[in-house]
Amino acid sequence: MARTYYVVGGEYADTTFSTLAPGQSEETFGPFEEREAHECWRALTGKTVDNAMVRYFIRESGNESGGGEGWYVVGGEYTGTDFITIAAGRHPEVLGPFDRQTALETWRGLTGRTVDSALTRFDLCTEVDLKRRGLLSI
């Protein structure tokens, strides 16, 4: 069965991104396949880049706890805003494995510290995703 993904988020009360701003409700877009979810996420974050209180996340349907999989935070500095090729002299940062909540908190911390770098990006990935991308050899 294909996995389904949703892009969720909105305007938050502060930069911990744990509580929505007063009067705001969580926005949900989807369902999508994985690639479509990332495209939607990129479009939404591009439109809201100037508002530090707005964040969107990709959530996998029916897999809130991770289904026994480890969760990783992956990324770093890239050569361009297509976020495909890691910058020269750099290696992808792979942090984890974590439970889903710890991975999300780690991701939020990293993205908060690197928000001013247009070429730095971090994503949440499962162990399966990392293996598919060739970043985990187990």
Protein backbone atom coordinates (compact mmCIF):
# COMPACT_ATOMS: atom_id res chain seq x y z
CA MET A 1 0.00 0.00 0.00
CA ALA A 2 1.37 3.44 -0.94
CA ARG A 3 2.16 5.81 1.88
CA THR A 4 0.26 9.08 1.99
CA TYR A 5 1.60 12.37 3.24
CA TYR A 6 0.08 15.65 4.36
CA VAL A 7 1.61 19.10 4.66
CA VAL A 8 0.49 20.68 7.93
CA GLY A 9 1.31 23.85 9.79
CA GLY A 10 0.43 27.49 9.96
CA GLU A 11 1.21 30.48 12.15
CA TYR A 12 2.63 29.62 15.57
CA ALA A 13 2.69 31.58 18.83
CA ASP A 14 6.51 31.51 19.05
CA THR A 15 9.56 29.97 17.42
CA THR A 16 9.32 26.71 19.34
CA PHE A 17 6.57 25.93 16.79
CA SER A 18 4.67 23.83 19.32
CA THR A 19 1.55 25.99 19.85
CA LEU A 20 -0.48 27.69 17.14
CA ALA A 21 -0.98 31.46 17.43
CA PRO A 22 -4.22 32.56 19.10
CA GLY A 23 -7.10 32.42 16.65
CA GLN A 24 -5.16 30.24 14.19
CA SER A 25 -5.98 26.67 13.23
CA GLU A 26 -3.68 24.07 11.76
CA GLU A 27 -3.73 24.09 7.96
CA THR A 28 -3.69 20.71 6.21
CA PHE A 29 -2.90 20.03 2.55
CA GLY A 30 -3.06 16.61 0.92
CA PRO A 31 -3.12 13.68 0.73
CA PHE A 32 -0.02 13.42 -1.45
CA GLU A 33 2.60 10.93 -2.47
CA GLU A 34 5.99 11.74 -0.95
CA ARG A 35 7.35 13.82 -3.84
CA GLU A 36 4.13 15.83 -4.19
CA ALA A 37 4.15 16.54 -0.45
CA HIS A 38 7.68 17.95 -0.68
CA GLU A 39 6.67 20.09 -3.66
CA CYS A 40 3.68 21.47 -1.75
CA TRP A 41 5.85 22.08 1.32
CA ARG A 42 8.44 23.98 -0.76
CA ALA A 43 5.74 26.13 -2.36
CA LEU A 44 4.17 26.99 1.01
CA THR A 45 7.46 27.74 2.74
CA GLY A 46 8.56 29.87 -0.19
CA LYS A 47 5.44 32.01 0.13
CA THR A 48 5.84 32.44 3.89
CA VAL A 49 9.63 32.75 4.18
CA ASP A 50 9.40 36.33 5.48
CA ASN A 51 7.19 35.36 8.44
CA ALA A 52 9.36 33.72 11.10
CA MET A 53 6.27 32.48 12.95
CA VAL A 54 4.94 30.35 10.08
CA ARG A 55 6.12 26.77 9.64
CA TYR A 56 4.90 23.77 7.68
CA PHE A 57 5.78 20.13 8.23
CA ILE A 58 5.29 16.92 6.27
CA ARG A 59 3.33 14.31 8.19
CA GLU A 60 2.91 10.71 7.10
CA SER A 61 -0.64 9.43 7.42
CA GLY A 62 -1.18 6.56 9.82
CA ASN A 63 2.42 6.59 11.01
CA GLU A 64 2.52 9.10 13.86
CA SER A 65 4.74 7.01 16.08
CA GLY A 66 7.01 5.94 13.28
CA GLY A 67 5.71 2.38 13.23
CA GLY A 68 8.84 1.06 14.93
CA GLU A 69 11.11 2.83 12.47
CA GLY A 70 13.86 5.14 13.62
CA TRP A 71 13.56 8.79 12.63
CA TYR A 72 16.52 10.86 11.44
CA VAL A 73 17.21 14.52 10.79
CA VAL A 74 19.15 14.89 7.53
CA GLY A 75 20.52 17.87 5.68
CA GLY A 76 23.14 20.56 5.69
CA GLU A 77 24.40 23.24 3.36
CA TYR A 78 23.55 22.75 -0.33
CA THR A 79 24.91 24.25 -3.56
CA GLY A 80 21.54 25.69 -4.59
CA THR A 81 17.94 26.11 -3.58
CA ASP A 82 16.95 22.91 -5.36
CA PHE A 83 18.49 21.19 -2.29
CA ILE A 84 19.86 18.28 -4.30
CA THR A 85 23.67 18.59 -4.07
CA ILE A 86 25.53 19.15 -0.80
CA ALA A 87 28.01 22.06 -0.94
CA ALA A 88 31.64 21.32 -1.83
CA GLY A 89 33.68 20.25 1.16
CA ARG A 90 30.54 19.38 3.12
CA HIS A 91 28.87 16.09 3.96
CA PRO A 92 25.18 15.49 4.63
CA GLU A 93 24.47 15.66 8.34
CA VAL A 94 22.58 12.59 9.57
CA LEU A 95 21.37 12.80 13.17
CA GLY A 96 19.53 9.96 14.86
CA PRO A 97 17.92 7.55 15.19
CA PHE A 98 15.28 9.21 17.33
CA ASP A 99 11.67 8.58 18.18
CA ARG A 100 9.45 10.78 16.04
CA GLN A 101 8.91 13.49 18.67
CA THR A 102 12.63 13.83 19.46
CA ALA A 103 13.44 13.95 15.73
CA LEU A 104 10.86 16.71 15.25
CA GLU A 105 12.28 18.71 18.19
CA THR A 106 15.83 18.27 16.83
CA TRP A 107 14.68 19.36 13.36
CA ARG A 108 12.95 22.44 14.80
CA GLY A 109 16.10 23.41 16.69
CA LEU A 110 18.33 23.05 13.62
CA THR A 111 15.98 24.91 11.29
CA GLY A 112 15.58 27.68 13.86
CA ARG A 113 19.36 28.14 14.08
CA THR A 114 19.84 28.07 10.29
CA VAL A 115 16.79 30.10 9.21
CA ASP A 116 18.99 32.89 7.83
CA SER A 117 20.84 30.56 5.45
CA ALA A 118 18.90 30.14 2.21
CA LEU A 119 21.13 27.20 1.24
CA THR A 120 20.78 25.19 4.45
CA ARG A 121 17.96 22.73 4.86
CA PHE A 122 17.09 19.79 7.09
CA ASP A 123 14.41 17.14 6.60
CA LEU A 124 12.89 14.37 8.68
CA CYS A 125 13.49 10.90 7.26
CA THR A 126 12.79 7.35 8.29
CA GLU A 127 15.40 4.62 8.19
CA VAL A 128 13.81 3.35 4.96
CA ASP A 129 14.13 6.83 3.39
CA LEU A 130 17.81 7.05 4.35
CA LYS A 131 18.57 3.63 2.88
CA ARG A 132 16.81 4.59 -0.35
CA ARG A 133 18.91 7.79 -0.55
CA GLY A 134 22.11 5.86 0.15
CA LEU A 135 22.79 7.66 3.43
CA LEU A 136 22.43 4.64 5.72
CA SER A 137 24.10 1.32 5.11
CA ILE A 138 22.58 -1.23 7.48
